[in-house]
Amino acid sequence: MILTRSELAKMDELFDAQELPDTFPDELEFSFLEVLAPTMTLQDYLAMPEQERRKWWINAVPDSVFPLDIPDQETGEPLFMTGFYFEPVCPGILDRVY
């Protein structure tokens, strides 16, 4: 996921504050969320109500933040290639977290 410096800071904050929900999506909803996951962005996540956000887990590939040589065209902020990604939350997710 490519993020600006401020988006990267927000994603770090969200990543560190995560907690497992009390309930998990059922099998049908989980399958639907899996379809959405590859294209999910930080903006999509932030636009969701809190109840919907709790259905998602922010994961990251360790040590995978690299600066890009171009700034964001809208803000002028530096851009970074990151290893962050979203996936539907499930009961065994903590067994797979790095």
C-alpha atoms as a PDB file:
ATOM      1  CA  MET A   1       0.000   0.000   0.000  1.00  0.00           C
ATOM      2  CA  ILE A   2       1.408   3.404  -0.956  1.00  0.00           C
ATOM      3  CA  LEU A   3       0.883   6.053   1.727  1.00  0.00           C
ATOM      4  CA  THR A   4       1.930   9.643   2.341  1.00  0.00           C
ATOM      5  CA  ARG A   5       3.975  10.447   5.445  1.00  0.00           C
ATOM      6  CA  SER A   6       0.842  11.572   7.363  1.00  0.00           C
ATOM      7  CA  GLU A   7      -1.145   8.526   6.221  1.00  0.00           C
ATOM      8  CA  LEU A   8       1.728   6.291   7.313  1.00  0.00           C
ATOM      9  CA  ALA A   9       1.641   7.886  10.780  1.00  0.00           C
ATOM     10  CA  LYS A  10      -2.145   7.326  10.952  1.00  0.00           C
ATOM     11  CA  MET A  11      -1.788   3.709   9.835  1.00  0.00           C
ATOM     12  CA  ASP A  12       0.889   3.095  12.496  1.00  0.00           C
ATOM     13  CA  GLU A  13      -1.451   4.562  15.106  1.00  0.00           C
ATOM     14  CA  LEU A  14      -4.384   2.397  13.969  1.00  0.00           C
ATOM     15  CA  PHE A  15      -2.181  -0.703  13.763  1.00  0.00           C
ATOM     16  CA  ASP A  16      -0.953  -0.254  17.342  1.00  0.00           C
ATOM     17  CA  ALA A  17      -4.459   0.387  18.737  1.00  0.00           C
ATOM     18  CA  GLN A  18      -6.148  -2.705  17.281  1.00  0.00           C
ATOM     19  CA  GLU A  19      -8.184  -5.044  19.442  1.00  0.00           C
ATOM     20  CA  LEU A  20     -10.066  -8.173  18.529  1.00  0.00           C
ATOM     21  CA  PRO A  21     -13.841  -7.703  18.368  1.00  0.00           C
ATOM     22  CA  ASP A  22     -16.249  -9.526  20.654  1.00  0.00           C
ATOM     23  CA  THR A  23     -17.853 -11.218  17.640  1.00  0.00           C
ATOM     24  CA  PHE A  24     -16.559 -12.121  14.193  1.00  0.00           C
ATOM     25  CA  PRO A  25     -18.137 -11.934  10.737  1.00  0.00           C
ATOM     26  CA  ASP A  26     -20.096 -15.054   9.793  1.00  0.00           C
ATOM     27  CA  GLU A  27     -18.822 -17.232   6.945  1.00  0.00           C
ATOM     28  CA  LEU A  28     -20.822 -15.474   4.222  1.00  0.00           C
ATOM     29  CA  GLU A  29     -19.802 -11.979   5.339  1.00  0.00           C
ATOM     30  CA  PHE A  30     -16.185 -13.096   5.761  1.00  0.00           C
ATOM     31  CA  SER A  31     -16.160 -14.376   2.169  1.00  0.00           C
ATOM     32  CA  PHE A  32     -17.523 -11.042   0.951  1.00  0.00           C
ATOM     33  CA  LEU A  33     -14.918  -9.096   2.949  1.00  0.00           C
ATOM     34  CA  GLU A  34     -12.163 -11.278   1.468  1.00  0.00           C
ATOM     35  CA  VAL A  35     -13.243 -10.101  -1.983  1.00  0.00           C
ATOM     36  CA  LEU A  36     -12.966  -6.454  -0.887  1.00  0.00           C
ATOM     37  CA  ALA A  37      -9.675  -6.825   0.991  1.00  0.00           C
ATOM     38  CA  PRO A  38      -7.192  -6.594  -1.926  1.00  0.00           C
ATOM     39  CA  THR A  39      -8.477  -3.151  -2.943  1.00  0.00           C
ATOM     40  CA  MET A  40      -9.132  -1.756   0.541  1.00  0.00           C
ATOM     41  CA  THR A  41      -7.465   1.609   1.227  1.00  0.00           C
ATOM     42  CA  LEU A  42      -6.885   3.686   4.318  1.00  0.00           C
ATOM     43  CA  GLN A  43      -9.498   6.144   3.042  1.00  0.00           C
ATOM     44  CA  ASP A  44     -12.039   3.309   2.679  1.00  0.00           C
ATOM     45  CA  TYR A  45     -11.305   2.168   6.219  1.00  0.00           C
ATOM     46  CA  LEU A  46     -11.570   5.646   7.731  1.00  0.00           C
ATOM     47  CA  ALA A  47     -14.883   6.260   5.931  1.00  0.00           C
ATOM     48  CA  MET A  48     -16.474   3.270   7.688  1.00  0.00           C
ATOM     49  CA  PRO A  49     -18.455   3.518  10.910  1.00  0.00           C
ATOM     50  CA  GLU A  50     -16.578   2.107  13.917  1.00  0.00           C
ATOM     51  CA  GLN A  51     -18.802  -1.006  13.942  1.00  0.00           C
ATOM     52  CA  GLU A  52     -17.705  -1.856  10.390  1.00  0.00           C
ATOM     53  CA  ARG A  53     -14.033  -1.089  11.062  1.00  0.00           C
ATOM     54  CA  ARG A  54     -13.966  -3.755  13.748  1.00  0.00           C
ATOM     55  CA  LYS A  55     -14.532  -6.362  11.019  1.00  0.00           C
ATOM     56  CA  TRP A  56     -11.109  -5.533   9.564  1.00  0.00           C
ATOM     57  CA  TRP A  57      -7.607  -6.273  10.774  1.00  0.00           C
ATOM     58  CA  ILE A  58      -4.639  -4.160   9.738  1.00  0.00           C
ATOM     59  CA  ASN A  59      -1.648  -6.350   9.090  1.00  0.00           C
ATOM     60  CA  ALA A  60       1.859  -5.553   7.873  1.00  0.00           C
ATOM     61  CA  VAL A  61       4.874  -7.222   6.390  1.00  0.00           C
ATOM     62  CA  PRO A  62       7.750  -6.457   8.813  1.00  0.00           C
ATOM     63  CA  ASP A  63      10.407  -3.920   7.789  1.00  0.00           C
ATOM     64  CA  SER A  64       8.709  -3.099   4.521  1.00  0.00           C
ATOM     65  CA  VAL A  65       8.506   0.703   4.460  1.00  0.00           C
ATOM     66  CA  PHE A  66      10.500   2.270   1.645  1.00  0.00           C
ATOM     67  CA  PRO A  67      10.467   5.892   0.460  1.00  0.00           C
ATOM     68  CA  LEU A  68       9.490   6.533  -3.148  1.00  0.00           C
ATOM     69  CA  ASP A  69      11.228   9.135  -5.274  1.00  0.00           C
ATOM     70  CA  ILE A  70       8.060  11.044  -6.119  1.00  0.00           C
ATOM     71  CA  PRO A  71       5.802  13.192  -3.925  1.00  0.00           C
ATOM     72  CA  ASP A  72       2.033  12.871  -3.693  1.00  0.00           C
ATOM     73  CA  GLN A  73       0.555  14.928  -6.555  1.00  0.00           C
ATOM     74  CA  GLU A  74      -2.246  16.353  -4.391  1.00  0.00           C
ATOM     75  CA  THR A  75      -0.411  17.186  -1.169  1.00  0.00           C
ATOM     76  CA  GLY A  76       3.269  17.270  -2.115  1.00  0.00           C
ATOM     77  CA  GLU A  77       4.024  14.943   0.826  1.00  0.00           C
ATOM     78  CA  PRO A  78       6.649  12.232   0.436  1.00  0.00           C
ATOM     79  CA  LEU A  79       5.243   8.833  -0.573  1.00  0.00           C
ATOM     80  CA  PHE A  80       6.180   5.481   0.939  1.00  0.00           C
ATOM     81  CA  MET A  81       5.667   1.919  -0.238  1.00  0.00           C
ATOM     82  CA  THR A  82       4.488   0.024   2.825  1.00  0.00           C
ATOM     83  CA  GLY A  83       3.676  -3.560   3.726  1.00  0.00           C
ATOM     84  CA  PHE A  84       0.345  -2.635   5.322  1.00  0.00           C
ATOM     85  CA  TYR A  85      -2.780  -4.426   4.163  1.00  0.00           C
ATOM     86  CA  PHE A  86      -6.307  -5.062   5.392  1.00  0.00           C
ATOM     87  CA  GLU A  87      -7.873  -8.446   5.938  1.00  0.00           C
ATOM     88  CA  PRO A  88     -11.156  -9.578   7.462  1.00  0.00           C
ATOM     89  CA  VAL A  89     -10.835 -10.323  11.139  1.00  0.00           C
ATOM     90  CA  CYS A  90     -11.282 -13.962  12.160  1.00  0.00           C
ATOM     91  CA  PRO A  91     -10.835 -15.927  15.404  1.00  0.00           C
ATOM     92  CA  GLY A  92      -7.378 -17.289  14.489  1.00  0.00           C
ATOM     93  CA  ILE A  93      -5.924 -14.028  13.188  1.00  0.00           C
ATOM     94  CA  LEU A  94      -3.543 -13.526  16.099  1.00  0.00           C
ATOM     95  CA  ASP A  95      -1.924 -16.868  15.261  1.00  0.00           C
ATOM     96  CA  ARG A  96      -0.864 -15.356  11.934  1.00  0.00           C
ATOM     97  CA  VAL A  97       0.163 -11.868  13.057  1.00  0.00           C
ATOM     98  CA  TYR A  98       3.886 -11.176  12.695  1.00  0.00           C
END
